[in-house]
Amino acid sequence: MSVLAGLLDRVVAYAARDEAETVKAREEWAERAGRVFDDDFLYEERTTAFLEWYALERPLADGRAPALRFLADEKLDDKEGQWVHALATSHRSLFEVRKVDDGIILLDDLLGGGEFAVTERRRLPGVEEHEIFEARLIANVMTPPEILFTRAFQFHPREARAELKRHAEKARKAGEPRAETLFRLLLLRLKAVRYKHVTADKIYKEEGG
């Protein structure tokens, strides 16, 4: 297990110690992203994404995400502290794969408008040219300025690609907060899974206004 993976596990476990807050966060996630069950096709990827969102992004009563509390409360060496800070400041967005090269994946950020070259030596299932998915990027504190993926990937239907890009452009022009756009698109993804008799592009188009 890498240092990053181990620290992410520790931060998630730290966040989950507060059972009441975890239940509250899970309900909030379900309301914003859609409710899934353990026999759903999306259950595993949604669970991974929820845990990262809760631990790294969702503010608690004091305004800090659990990762920042962990950083303040736990005894960490300098490098561990840098990794946790990188997790707490990671970048979640909607990306389109421009190119998959040897050890590098070029991404366009459809919500932020940026371009990222992510170091990834594994062959990730579903991460192919022109694919659109939600992911979280983190700075590699060991070898800057490299950028890495965390574990959470949430894929959108390839047949809805044109509509996804339209959603993203509309959200950028309207100044919609990135999290709101991402959650709205996750609801559409779940709807596309639920309503198998309707094509995904039609679902994303009808809900896009």
N, C-alpha and C. Protein backbone atom coordinates (compact mmCIF):
# COMPACT_ATOMS: atom_id res chain seq x y z
N MET A 1 0.85 -1.20 0.00
CA MET A 1 0.00 0.00 0.00
C MET A 1 0.88 1.25 0.00
N SER A 2 0.55 2.22 -0.84
CA SER A 2 1.33 3.45 -0.91
C SER A 2 1.07 4.31 0.32
N VAL A 3 1.97 5.27 0.54
CA VAL A 3 1.79 6.21 1.65
C VAL A 3 0.48 6.98 1.49
N LEU A 4 0.19 7.40 0.27
CA LEU A 4 -1.04 8.14 0.01
C LEU A 4 -2.27 7.30 0.35
N ALA A 5 -2.30 6.06 -0.13
CA ALA A 5 -3.45 5.20 0.13
C ALA A 5 -3.62 4.95 1.62
N GLY A 6 -2.51 4.72 2.31
CA GLY A 6 -2.58 4.48 3.75
C GLY A 6 -3.11 5.68 4.51
N LEU A 7 -2.65 6.88 4.14
CA LEU A 7 -3.11 8.09 4.82
C LEU A 7 -4.57 8.39 4.49
N LEU A 8 -4.98 8.13 3.26
CA LEU A 8 -6.39 8.31 2.91
C LEU A 8 -7.26 7.39 3.75
N ASP A 9 -6.83 6.15 3.94
CA ASP A 9 -7.57 5.22 4.79
C ASP A 9 -7.66 5.75 6.21
N ARG A 10 -6.56 6.31 6.71
CA ARG A 10 -6.55 6.82 8.07
C ARG A 10 -7.48 8.03 8.23
N VAL A 11 -7.49 8.89 7.24
CA VAL A 11 -8.37 10.06 7.30
C VAL A 11 -9.83 9.63 7.25
N VAL A 12 -10.15 8.68 6.38
CA VAL A 12 -11.52 8.18 6.28
C VAL A 12 -11.95 7.53 7.60
N ALA A 13 -11.06 6.73 8.19
CA ALA A 13 -11.37 6.08 9.46
C ALA A 13 -11.57 7.11 10.57
N TYR A 14 -10.76 8.16 10.56
CA TYR A 14 -10.89 9.25 11.54
C TYR A 14 -12.25 9.92 11.40
N ALA A 15 -12.66 10.20 10.16
CA ALA A 15 -13.95 10.84 9.93
C ALA A 15 -15.10 9.94 10.39
N ALA A 16 -14.97 8.64 10.14
CA ALA A 16 -16.04 7.69 10.44
C ALA A 16 -16.20 7.41 11.92
N ARG A 17 -15.25 7.86 12.75
CA ARG A 17 -15.36 7.64 14.20
C ARG A 17 -16.59 8.34 14.76
N ASP A 18 -16.97 9.46 14.16
CA ASP A 18 -18.17 10.18 14.59
C ASP A 18 -19.36 9.56 13.86
N GLU A 19 -20.00 8.57 14.49
CA GLU A 19 -21.06 7.83 13.81
C GLU A 19 -22.25 8.71 13.46
N ALA A 20 -22.63 9.59 14.36
CA ALA A 20 -23.79 10.45 14.11
C ALA A 20 -23.53 11.37 12.92
N GLU A 21 -22.33 11.93 12.88
CA GLU A 21 -22.00 12.84 11.78
C GLU A 21 -21.88 12.08 10.47
N THR A 22 -21.38 10.84 10.53
CA THR A 22 -21.27 10.02 9.33
C THR A 22 -22.65 9.71 8.76
N VAL A 23 -23.59 9.36 9.63
CA VAL A 23 -24.96 9.10 9.19
C VAL A 23 -25.57 10.35 8.57
N LYS A 24 -25.35 11.49 9.20
CA LYS A 24 -25.86 12.76 8.69
C LYS A 24 -25.27 13.07 7.32
N ALA A 25 -23.97 12.84 7.19
CA ALA A 25 -23.30 13.11 5.91
C ALA A 25 -23.79 12.16 4.82
N ARG A 26 -24.01 10.90 5.17
CA ARG A 26 -24.49 9.93 4.18
C ARG A 26 -25.88 10.32 3.68
N GLU A 27 -26.71 10.81 4.58
CA GLU A 27 -28.05 11.24 4.17
C GLU A 27 -27.97 12.48 3.27
N GLU A 28 -27.08 13.38 3.60
CA GLU A 28 -26.89 14.57 2.77
C GLU A 28 -26.40 14.18 1.38
N TRP A 29 -25.47 13.25 1.33
CA TRP A 29 -24.96 12.76 0.03
C TRP A 29 -26.09 12.14 -0.78
N ALA A 30 -26.91 11.31 -0.14
CA ALA A 30 -28.01 10.65 -0.83
C ALA A 30 -29.00 11.66 -1.39
N GLU A 31 -29.26 12.71 -0.64
CA GLU A 31 -30.19 13.74 -1.11
C GLU A 31 -29.63 14.50 -2.30
N ARG A 32 -28.32 14.70 -2.31
CA ARG A 32 -27.72 15.51 -3.38
C ARG A 32 -27.29 14.70 -4.59
N ALA A 33 -26.83 13.45 -4.37
CA ALA A 33 -26.33 12.63 -5.47
C ALA A 33 -27.29 11.53 -5.89
N GLY A 34 -28.31 11.28 -5.06
CA GLY A 34 -29.23 10.19 -5.34
C GLY A 34 -28.93 9.00 -4.45
N ARG A 35 -29.98 8.29 -4.07
CA ARG A 35 -29.84 7.18 -3.13
C ARG A 35 -29.58 5.88 -3.89
N VAL A 36 -28.54 5.16 -3.49
CA VAL A 36 -28.25 3.86 -4.07
C VAL A 36 -28.26 2.81 -2.97
N PHE A 37 -28.42 1.56 -3.38
CA PHE A 37 -28.49 0.44 -2.44
C PHE A 37 -27.38 -0.55 -2.76
N ASP A 38 -27.15 -1.48 -1.83
CA ASP A 38 -25.96 -2.33 -1.97
C ASP A 38 -26.02 -3.29 -3.14
N ASP A 39 -27.19 -3.43 -3.77
CA ASP A 39 -27.26 -4.28 -4.96
C ASP A 39 -27.30 -3.46 -6.25
N ASP A 40 -27.09 -2.14 -6.12
CA ASP A 40 -27.09 -1.27 -7.29
C ASP A 40 -25.77 -1.35 -8.03
N PHE A 41 -25.84 -1.16 -9.34
CA PHE A 41 -24.67 -1.15 -10.21
C PHE A 41 -23.65 -0.11 -9.76
N LEU A 42 -24.13 1.03 -9.28
CA LEU A 42 -23.24 2.15 -8.93
C LEU A 42 -22.79 2.13 -7.47
N TYR A 43 -23.18 1.12 -6.71
CA TYR A 43 -22.96 1.17 -5.27
C TYR A 43 -21.50 1.34 -4.89
N GLU A 44 -20.61 0.57 -5.50
CA GLU A 44 -19.20 0.61 -5.09
C GLU A 44 -18.56 1.95 -5.41
N GLU A 45 -18.76 2.45 -6.63
CA GLU A 45 -18.11 3.72 -6.97
C GLU A 45 -18.73 4.88 -6.19
N ARG A 46 -20.03 4.79 -5.90
CA ARG A 46 -20.66 5.85 -5.12
C ARG A 46 -20.16 5.83 -3.67
N THR A 47 -19.97 4.65 -3.11
CA THR A 47 -19.47 4.54 -1.74
C THR A 47 -18.07 5.11 -1.61
N THR A 48 -17.20 4.78 -2.56
CA THR A 48 -15.84 5.31 -2.56
C THR A 48 -15.86 6.83 -2.66
N ALA A 49 -16.70 7.34 -3.55
CA ALA A 49 -16.78 8.79 -3.74
C ALA A 49 -17.35 9.49 -2.51
N PHE A 50 -18.36 8.88 -1.88
CA PHE A 50 -18.93 9.46 -0.67
C PHE A 50 -17.88 9.59 0.43
N LEU A 51 -17.12 8.52 0.65
CA LEU A 51 -16.13 8.53 1.73
C LEU A 51 -15.08 9.61 1.51
N GLU A 52 -14.64 9.78 0.26
CA GLU A 52 -13.67 10.84 -0.02
C GLU A 52 -14.30 12.22 0.19
N TRP A 53 -15.52 12.39 -0.31
CA TRP A 53 -16.20 13.68 -0.15
C TRP A 53 -16.37 14.02 1.33
N TYR A 54 -16.82 13.06 2.11
CA TYR A 54 -17.05 13.29 3.53
C TYR A 54 -15.75 13.61 4.25
N ALA A 55 -14.72 12.84 4.00
CA ALA A 55 -13.47 13.00 4.73
C ALA A 55 -12.66 14.21 4.29
N LEU A 56 -12.73 14.54 3.01
CA LEU A 56 -11.83 15.56 2.47
C LEU A 56 -12.50 16.90 2.19
N GLU A 57 -13.81 16.89 2.05
CA GLU A 57 -14.45 18.09 1.49
C GLU A 57 -15.59 18.65 2.34
N ARG A 58 -16.37 17.79 2.94
CA ARG A 58 -17.58 18.27 3.63
C ARG A 58 -17.22 18.93 4.96
N PRO A 59 -17.59 20.20 5.14
CA PRO A 59 -17.25 20.88 6.39
C PRO A 59 -18.08 20.38 7.56
N LEU A 60 -17.45 20.30 8.71
CA LEU A 60 -18.13 19.96 9.96
C LEU A 60 -18.62 21.24 10.63
N ALA A 61 -19.08 21.13 11.87
CA ALA A 61 -19.68 22.28 12.54
C ALA A 61 -18.72 23.45 12.67
N ASP A 62 -17.42 23.16 12.79
CA ASP A 62 -16.45 24.24 12.96
C ASP A 62 -15.94 24.79 11.62
N GLY A 63 -16.53 24.30 10.53
CA GLY A 63 -16.15 24.79 9.21
C GLY A 63 -15.01 24.05 8.56
N ARG A 64 -14.39 23.12 9.29
CA ARG A 64 -13.28 22.34 8.74
C ARG A 64 -13.75 20.97 8.30
N ALA A 65 -13.19 20.49 7.20
CA ALA A 65 -13.43 19.11 6.79
C ALA A 65 -12.67 18.17 7.74
N PRO A 66 -13.11 16.91 7.86
CA PRO A 66 -12.39 15.97 8.74
C PRO A 66 -10.90 15.89 8.46
N ALA A 67 -10.49 16.00 7.21
CA ALA A 67 -9.06 15.91 6.89
C ALA A 67 -8.26 17.00 7.59
N LEU A 68 -8.82 18.20 7.68
CA LEU A 68 -8.10 19.29 8.35
C LEU A 68 -8.08 19.10 9.86
N ARG A 69 -9.14 18.52 10.40
CA ARG A 69 -9.13 18.18 11.82
C ARG A 69 -8.07 17.11 12.10
N PHE A 70 -8.03 16.12 11.22
CA PHE A 70 -7.04 15.05 11.34
C PHE A 70 -5.63 15.64 11.34
N LEU A 71 -5.40 16.58 10.45
CA LEU A 71 -4.09 17.22 10.34
C LEU A 71 -3.71 17.92 11.64
N ALA A 72 -4.70 18.52 12.30
CA ALA A 72 -4.43 19.24 13.54
C ALA A 72 -4.31 18.30 14.74
N ASP A 73 -5.04 17.19 14.72
CA ASP A 73 -5.13 16.32 15.90
C ASP A 73 -4.08 15.22 15.96
N GLU A 74 -3.68 14.71 14.81
CA GLU A 74 -2.82 13.54 14.77
C GLU A 74 -1.34 13.93 14.75
N LYS A 75 -0.52 13.04 15.27
CA LYS A 75 0.93 13.24 15.22
C LYS A 75 1.46 12.67 13.90
N LEU A 76 1.89 13.53 13.03
CA LEU A 76 2.34 13.14 11.69
C LEU A 76 3.74 13.67 11.45
N ASP A 77 4.53 12.92 10.69
CA ASP A 77 5.82 13.48 10.30
C ASP A 77 5.58 14.49 9.17
N ASP A 78 6.64 15.19 8.79
CA ASP A 78 6.47 16.28 7.82
C ASP A 78 5.87 15.81 6.51
N LYS A 79 6.34 14.69 6.02
CA LYS A 79 5.85 14.19 4.73
C LYS A 79 4.40 13.75 4.82
N GLU A 80 4.04 13.09 5.92
CA GLU A 80 2.64 12.69 6.12
C GLU A 80 1.74 13.92 6.18
N GLY A 81 2.22 14.94 6.87
CA GLY A 81 1.44 16.17 6.95
C GLY A 81 1.24 16.81 5.59
N GLN A 82 2.27 16.77 4.76
CA GLN A 82 2.13 17.31 3.41
C GLN A 82 1.11 16.53 2.59
N TRP A 83 1.12 15.20 2.74
CA TRP A 83 0.15 14.38 2.02
C TRP A 83 -1.28 14.68 2.47
N VAL A 84 -1.48 14.80 3.77
CA VAL A 84 -2.83 15.07 4.26
C VAL A 84 -3.30 16.46 3.81
N HIS A 85 -2.38 17.42 3.83
CA HIS A 85 -2.75 18.75 3.34
C HIS A 85 -3.11 18.68 1.86
N ALA A 86 -2.37 17.89 1.08
CA ALA A 86 -2.68 17.74 -0.34
C ALA A 86 -4.06 17.10 -0.52
N LEU A 87 -4.39 16.12 0.33
CA LEU A 87 -5.72 15.51 0.26
C LEU A 87 -6.80 16.55 0.58
N ALA A 88 -6.56 17.36 1.60
CA ALA A 88 -7.55 18.34 2.02
C ALA A 88 -7.75 19.45 0.98
N THR A 89 -6.77 19.64 0.11
CA THR A 89 -6.88 20.69 -0.91
C THR A 89 -6.98 20.07 -2.31
N SER A 90 -7.41 18.82 -2.38
CA SER A 90 -7.53 18.14 -3.67
C SER A 90 -8.63 18.79 -4.52
N HIS A 91 -8.63 18.44 -5.79
CA HIS A 91 -9.47 19.13 -6.77
C HIS A 91 -10.45 18.14 -7.40
N ARG A 92 -11.74 18.28 -7.06
CA ARG A 92 -12.78 17.41 -7.62
C ARG A 92 -13.50 18.16 -8.73
N SER A 93 -13.60 17.52 -9.90
CA SER A 93 -14.26 18.18 -11.01
C SER A 93 -14.72 17.14 -12.03
N LEU A 94 -15.25 17.65 -13.14
CA LEU A 94 -15.68 16.82 -14.26
C LEU A 94 -14.63 16.94 -15.35
N PHE A 95 -14.10 15.81 -15.78
CA PHE A 95 -12.99 15.81 -16.72
C PHE A 95 -13.33 15.02 -17.98
N GLU A 96 -12.73 15.47 -19.07
CA GLU A 96 -12.77 14.71 -20.31
C GLU A 96 -11.35 14.28 -20.66
N VAL A 97 -11.19 13.02 -21.01
CA VAL A 97 -9.87 12.52 -21.36
C VAL A 97 -9.52 12.98 -22.78
N ARG A 98 -8.44 13.72 -22.86
CA ARG A 98 -7.97 14.16 -24.17
C ARG A 98 -7.06 13.12 -24.81
N LYS A 99 -6.18 12.56 -23.98
CA LYS A 99 -5.21 11.59 -24.52
C LYS A 99 -4.71 10.69 -23.41
N VAL A 100 -4.54 9.41 -23.72
CA VAL A 100 -3.93 8.46 -22.81
C VAL A 100 -2.59 8.07 -23.39
N ASP A 101 -1.53 8.46 -22.71
CA ASP A 101 -0.18 8.20 -23.19
C ASP A 101 0.52 7.26 -22.21
N ASP A 102 1.76 6.99 -22.45
CA ASP A 102 2.53 6.08 -21.60
C ASP A 102 2.79 6.73 -20.24
N GLY A 103 1.99 6.35 -19.25
CA GLY A 103 2.17 6.87 -17.90
C GLY A 103 1.56 8.24 -17.66
N ILE A 104 0.93 8.83 -18.65
CA ILE A 104 0.34 10.16 -18.51
C ILE A 104 -1.05 10.15 -19.12
N ILE A 105 -2.01 10.76 -18.40
CA ILE A 105 -3.36 10.94 -18.92
C ILE A 105 -3.64 12.43 -18.97
N LEU A 106 -3.91 12.94 -20.16
CA LEU A 106 -4.20 14.36 -20.34
C LEU A 106 -5.70 14.59 -20.19
N LEU A 107 -6.05 15.52 -19.32
CA LEU A 107 -7.45 15.79 -19.01
C LEU A 107 -7.79 17.25 -19.28
N ASP A 108 -9.00 17.48 -19.74
CA ASP A 108 -9.58 18.83 -19.78
C ASP A 108 -10.60 18.93 -18.65
N ASP A 109 -10.47 19.97 -17.84
CA ASP A 109 -11.43 20.22 -16.76
C ASP A 109 -12.62 20.95 -17.36
N LEU A 110 -13.75 20.28 -17.48
CA LEU A 110 -14.91 20.85 -18.16
C LEU A 110 -15.61 21.91 -17.32
N LEU A 111 -15.35 21.95 -16.02
CA LEU A 111 -15.97 22.96 -15.17
C LEU A 111 -15.02 24.11 -14.84
N GLY A 112 -13.76 23.78 -14.63
CA GLY A 112 -12.80 24.83 -14.30
C GLY A 112 -12.08 25.41 -15.50
N GLY A 113 -12.12 24.70 -16.63
CA GLY A 113 -11.49 25.20 -17.84
C GLY A 113 -10.00 24.94 -17.93
N GLY A 114 -9.44 24.22 -16.96
CA GLY A 114 -8.00 23.97 -16.97
C GLY A 114 -7.65 22.69 -17.70
N GLU A 115 -6.36 22.45 -17.80
CA GLU A 115 -5.83 21.24 -18.43
C GLU A 115 -4.84 20.61 -17.45
N PHE A 116 -4.92 19.29 -17.30
CA PHE A 116 -4.09 18.59 -16.34
C PHE A 116 -3.44 17.38 -17.00
N ALA A 117 -2.17 17.15 -16.65
CA ALA A 117 -1.47 15.94 -17.05
C ALA A 117 -1.28 15.10 -15.80
N VAL A 118 -2.02 14.01 -15.70
CA VAL A 118 -2.03 13.18 -14.51
C VAL A 118 -1.08 12.00 -14.71
N THR A 119 -0.21 11.79 -13.75
CA THR A 119 0.70 10.65 -13.80
C THR A 119 -0.06 9.40 -13.35
N GLU A 120 -0.16 8.42 -14.23
CA GLU A 120 -0.88 7.19 -13.91
C GLU A 120 -0.29 6.05 -14.73
N ARG A 121 0.42 5.17 -14.06
CA ARG A 121 1.10 4.08 -14.76
C ARG A 121 0.24 2.84 -14.90
N ARG A 122 -0.87 2.79 -14.16
CA ARG A 122 -1.79 1.67 -14.30
C ARG A 122 -2.70 1.90 -15.50
N ARG A 123 -3.25 0.82 -16.01
CA ARG A 123 -4.28 0.92 -17.04
C ARG A 123 -5.62 0.91 -16.33
N LEU A 124 -6.26 2.06 -16.22
CA LEU A 124 -7.49 2.18 -15.44
C LEU A 124 -8.70 1.83 -16.30
N PRO A 125 -9.53 0.91 -15.87
CA PRO A 125 -10.73 0.55 -16.64
C PRO A 125 -11.63 1.76 -16.85
N GLY A 126 -12.04 1.97 -18.08
CA GLY A 126 -12.95 3.07 -18.39
C GLY A 126 -12.31 4.40 -18.67
N VAL A 127 -11.03 4.54 -18.33
CA VAL A 127 -10.34 5.81 -18.57
C VAL A 127 -9.73 5.76 -19.97
N GLU A 128 -10.50 6.21 -20.93
CA GLU A 128 -10.11 6.16 -22.33
C GLU A 128 -10.34 7.52 -22.96
N GLU A 129 -9.77 7.73 -24.13
CA GLU A 129 -9.92 9.02 -24.81
C GLU A 129 -11.39 9.34 -25.03
N HIS A 130 -11.73 10.61 -24.74
CA HIS A 130 -13.07 11.18 -24.90
C HIS A 130 -14.04 10.75 -23.80
N GLU A 131 -13.60 9.92 -22.87
CA GLU A 131 -14.46 9.55 -21.74
C GLU A 131 -14.62 10.75 -20.82
N ILE A 132 -15.82 10.89 -20.25
CA ILE A 132 -16.09 11.97 -19.31
C ILE A 132 -16.45 11.37 -17.96
N PHE A 133 -15.78 11.82 -16.91
CA PHE A 133 -16.02 11.28 -15.58
C PHE A 133 -15.68 12.32 -14.53
N GLU A 134 -16.24 12.11 -13.34
CA GLU A 134 -15.86 12.91 -12.19
C GLU A 134 -14.71 12.21 -11.49
N ALA A 135 -13.71 12.98 -11.10
CA ALA A 135 -12.56 12.42 -10.38
C ALA A 135 -11.99 13.49 -9.47
N ARG A 136 -11.06 13.05 -8.63
CA ARG A 136 -10.39 13.96 -7.69
C ARG A 136 -8.89 13.88 -7.95
N LEU A 137 -8.27 15.05 -8.12
CA LEU A 137 -6.84 15.12 -8.38
C LEU A 137 -6.12 15.65 -7.15
N ILE A 138 -4.90 15.14 -6.96
CA ILE A 138 -4.10 15.54 -5.80
C ILE A 138 -2.65 15.75 -6.25
N ALA A 139 -2.02 16.75 -5.67
CA ALA A 139 -0.61 16.99 -5.95
C ALA A 139 0.24 15.88 -5.35
N ASN A 140 1.22 15.40 -6.10
CA ASN A 140 2.16 14.39 -5.60
C ASN A 140 3.26 15.11 -4.82
N VAL A 141 3.22 15.00 -3.50
CA VAL A 141 4.17 15.75 -2.68
C VAL A 141 5.57 15.15 -2.74
N MET A 142 5.68 13.92 -3.24
CA MET A 142 6.98 13.28 -3.34
C MET A 142 7.76 13.77 -4.56
N THR A 143 7.04 13.94 -5.66
CA THR A 143 7.70 14.35 -6.91
C THR A 143 6.89 15.44 -7.60
N PRO A 144 6.85 16.65 -7.00
CA PRO A 144 6.14 17.75 -7.66
C PRO A 144 6.84 18.11 -8.97
N PRO A 145 6.13 18.62 -9.95
CA PRO A 145 4.71 19.02 -9.92
C PRO A 145 3.76 17.94 -10.42
N GLU A 146 4.08 16.67 -10.22
CA GLU A 146 3.20 15.61 -10.68
C GLU A 146 1.83 15.70 -10.00
N ILE A 147 0.82 15.22 -10.72
CA ILE A 147 -0.54 15.16 -10.22
C ILE A 147 -1.01 13.71 -10.29
N LEU A 148 -1.76 13.29 -9.28
CA LEU A 148 -2.25 11.92 -9.19
C LEU A 148 -3.77 11.90 -9.05
N PHE A 149 -4.36 10.77 -9.38
CA PHE A 149 -5.76 10.51 -9.05
C PHE A 149 -5.86 9.99 -7.62
N THR A 150 -6.98 10.27 -6.95
CA THR A 150 -7.33 9.50 -5.77
C THR A 150 -8.12 8.28 -6.26
N ARG A 151 -8.86 7.63 -5.37
CA ARG A 151 -9.54 6.39 -5.76
C ARG A 151 -10.87 6.61 -6.46
N ALA A 152 -11.51 7.73 -6.20
CA ALA A 152 -12.90 7.91 -6.61
C ALA A 152 -13.02 8.32 -8.08
N PHE A 153 -13.73 7.50 -8.83
CA PHE A 153 -14.10 7.82 -10.21
C PHE A 153 -15.60 7.59 -10.34
N GLN A 154 -16.29 8.54 -10.97
CA GLN A 154 -17.71 8.37 -11.24
C GLN A 154 -17.94 8.67 -12.72
N PHE A 155 -18.23 7.62 -13.45
CA PHE A 155 -18.30 7.71 -14.90
C PHE A 155 -19.70 8.09 -15.37
N HIS A 156 -19.73 8.89 -16.42
CA HIS A 156 -20.99 9.24 -17.07
C HIS A 156 -21.09 8.51 -18.40
N PRO A 157 -22.31 8.28 -18.90
CA PRO A 157 -22.48 7.51 -20.13
C PRO A 157 -21.83 8.19 -21.33
N ARG A 158 -21.12 7.42 -22.10
CA ARG A 158 -20.46 7.96 -23.27
C ARG A 158 -21.46 8.57 -24.25
N GLU A 159 -22.65 7.98 -24.35
CA GLU A 159 -23.63 8.48 -25.31
C GLU A 159 -24.20 9.84 -24.90
N ALA A 160 -23.94 10.26 -23.66
CA ALA A 160 -24.40 11.57 -23.19
C ALA A 160 -23.29 12.62 -23.25
N ARG A 161 -22.22 12.32 -23.96
CA ARG A 161 -21.04 13.20 -23.97
C ARG A 161 -21.38 14.63 -24.39
N ALA A 162 -22.11 14.78 -25.48
CA ALA A 162 -22.44 16.12 -25.96
C ALA A 162 -23.28 16.89 -24.94
N GLU A 163 -24.21 16.20 -24.31
CA GLU A 163 -25.06 16.87 -23.31
C GLU A 163 -24.28 17.21 -22.05
N LEU A 164 -23.36 16.35 -21.67
CA LEU A 164 -22.50 16.64 -20.51
C LEU A 164 -21.69 17.91 -20.75
N LYS A 165 -21.15 18.05 -21.94
CA LYS A 165 -20.35 19.23 -22.25
C LYS A 165 -21.24 20.48 -22.28
N ARG A 166 -22.47 20.31 -22.70
CA ARG A 166 -23.40 21.44 -22.68
C ARG A 166 -23.74 21.83 -21.25
N HIS A 167 -23.98 20.83 -20.41
CA HIS A 167 -24.23 21.10 -18.99
C HIS A 167 -23.05 21.87 -18.39
N ALA A 168 -21.85 21.42 -18.69
CA ALA A 168 -20.66 22.04 -18.11
C ALA A 168 -20.50 23.48 -18.57
N GLU A 169 -20.71 23.72 -19.86
CA GLU A 169 -20.58 25.08 -20.39
C GLU A 169 -21.63 26.01 -19.76
N LYS A 170 -22.85 25.50 -19.64
CA LYS A 170 -23.93 26.29 -19.04
C LYS A 170 -23.61 26.62 -17.59
N ALA A 171 -23.09 25.64 -16.85
CA ALA A 171 -22.74 25.85 -15.44
C ALA A 171 -21.62 26.88 -15.30
N ARG A 172 -20.61 26.80 -16.16
CA ARG A 172 -19.51 27.77 -16.11
C ARG A 172 -20.02 29.18 -16.36
N LYS A 173 -20.85 29.33 -17.37
CA LYS A 173 -21.35 30.67 -17.71
C LYS A 173 -22.24 31.24 -16.61
N ALA A 174 -22.97 30.35 -15.93
CA ALA A 174 -23.87 30.79 -14.86
C ALA A 174 -23.13 31.00 -13.53
N GLY A 175 -21.88 30.56 -13.47
CA GLY A 175 -21.14 30.65 -12.22
C GLY A 175 -21.65 29.71 -11.14
N GLU A 176 -22.23 28.61 -11.55
CA GLU A 176 -22.74 27.64 -10.58
C GLU A 176 -21.58 27.01 -9.81
N PRO A 177 -21.70 26.88 -8.51
CA PRO A 177 -20.63 26.22 -7.73
C PRO A 177 -20.35 24.82 -8.28
N ARG A 178 -19.07 24.47 -8.35
CA ARG A 178 -18.69 23.19 -8.95
C ARG A 178 -19.39 22.01 -8.29
N ALA A 179 -19.47 22.03 -6.96
CA ALA A 179 -20.09 20.90 -6.26
C ALA A 179 -21.55 20.74 -6.67
N GLU A 180 -22.26 21.85 -6.86
CA GLU A 180 -23.66 21.75 -7.24
C GLU A 180 -23.81 21.12 -8.62
N THR A 181 -22.95 21.49 -9.54
CA THR A 181 -22.99 20.90 -10.88
C THR A 181 -22.70 19.41 -10.81
N LEU A 182 -21.69 19.04 -10.06
CA LEU A 182 -21.31 17.64 -9.97
C LEU A 182 -22.43 16.80 -9.37
N PHE A 183 -23.06 17.29 -8.32
CA PHE A 183 -24.15 16.53 -7.71
C PHE A 183 -25.34 16.44 -8.65
N ARG A 184 -25.63 17.50 -9.37
CA ARG A 184 -26.75 17.47 -10.32
C ARG A 184 -26.51 16.43 -11.40
N LEU A 185 -25.27 16.34 -11.86
CA LEU A 185 -24.94 15.35 -12.89
C LEU A 185 -24.97 13.93 -12.34
N LEU A 186 -24.62 13.76 -11.08
CA LEU A 186 -24.70 12.43 -10.47
C LEU A 186 -26.15 11.96 -10.36
N LEU A 187 -27.07 12.89 -10.10
CA LEU A 187 -28.48 12.54 -10.11
C LEU A 187 -28.92 12.06 -11.49
N LEU A 188 -28.44 12.73 -12.53
CA LEU A 188 -28.77 12.32 -13.89
C LEU A 188 -28.19 10.94 -14.20
N ARG A 189 -26.97 10.69 -13.73
CA ARG A 189 -26.35 9.39 -13.96
C ARG A 189 -27.20 8.28 -13.33
N LEU A 190 -27.67 8.52 -12.12
CA LEU A 190 -28.50 7.53 -11.44
C LEU A 190 -29.82 7.36 -12.18
N LYS A 191 -30.39 8.44 -12.65
CA LYS A 191 -31.64 8.36 -13.40
C LYS A 191 -31.45 7.55 -14.68
N ALA A 192 -30.30 7.73 -15.32
CA ALA A 192 -30.02 6.97 -16.55
C ALA A 192 -29.91 5.48 -16.26
N VAL A 193 -29.42 5.12 -15.07
CA VAL A 193 -29.35 3.72 -14.68
C VAL A 193 -30.74 3.17 -14.36
N ARG A 194 -31.54 3.98 -13.69
CA ARG A 194 -32.87 3.54 -13.28
C ARG A 194 -33.81 3.36 -14.48
N TYR A 195 -33.78 4.32 -15.40
CA TYR A 195 -34.72 4.30 -16.53
C TYR A 195 -34.04 3.74 -17.77
N LYS A 196 -33.93 2.45 -17.81
CA LYS A 196 -33.20 1.80 -18.89
C LYS A 196 -33.92 1.89 -20.23
N HIS A 197 -35.21 2.21 -20.21
CA HIS A 197 -35.97 2.30 -21.45
C HIS A 197 -35.78 3.65 -22.15
N VAL A 198 -35.08 4.57 -21.49
CA VAL A 198 -34.82 5.90 -22.07
C VAL A 198 -33.31 6.03 -22.27
N THR A 199 -32.90 6.50 -23.45
CA THR A 199 -31.47 6.62 -23.70
C THR A 199 -30.85 7.70 -22.82
N ALA A 200 -29.59 7.51 -22.47
CA ALA A 200 -28.92 8.42 -21.55
C ALA A 200 -28.85 9.84 -22.11
N ASP A 201 -28.59 9.96 -23.42
CA ASP A 201 -28.48 11.30 -23.99
C ASP A 201 -29.80 12.06 -23.85
N LYS A 202 -30.92 11.35 -23.96
CA LYS A 202 -32.22 12.00 -23.82
C LYS A 202 -32.46 12.44 -22.39
N ILE A 203 -32.08 11.61 -21.43
CA ILE A 203 -32.23 11.97 -20.02
C ILE A 203 -31.41 13.22 -19.68
N TYR A 204 -30.17 13.23 -20.11
CA TYR A 204 -29.31 14.39 -19.82
C TYR A 204 -29.80 15.63 -20.55
N LYS A 205 -30.36 15.46 -21.74
CA LYS A 205 -30.85 16.59 -22.51
C LYS A 205 -32.12 17.17 -21.88
N GLU A 206 -33.07 16.32 -21.51
CA GLU A 206 -34.33 16.78 -20.95
C GLU A 206 -34.12 17.51 -19.63
N GLU A 207 -33.15 17.05 -18.86
CA GLU A 207 -32.89 17.67 -17.57
C GLU A 207 -31.97 18.88 -17.68
N GLY A 208 -31.48 19.12 -18.87
CA GLY A 208 -30.53 20.22 -19.01
C GLY A 208 -31.14 21.56 -19.29
N GLY A 209 -32.43 21.58 -19.62
CA GLY A 209 -33.10 22.85 -19.88
C GLY A 209 -32.78 23.40 -21.24
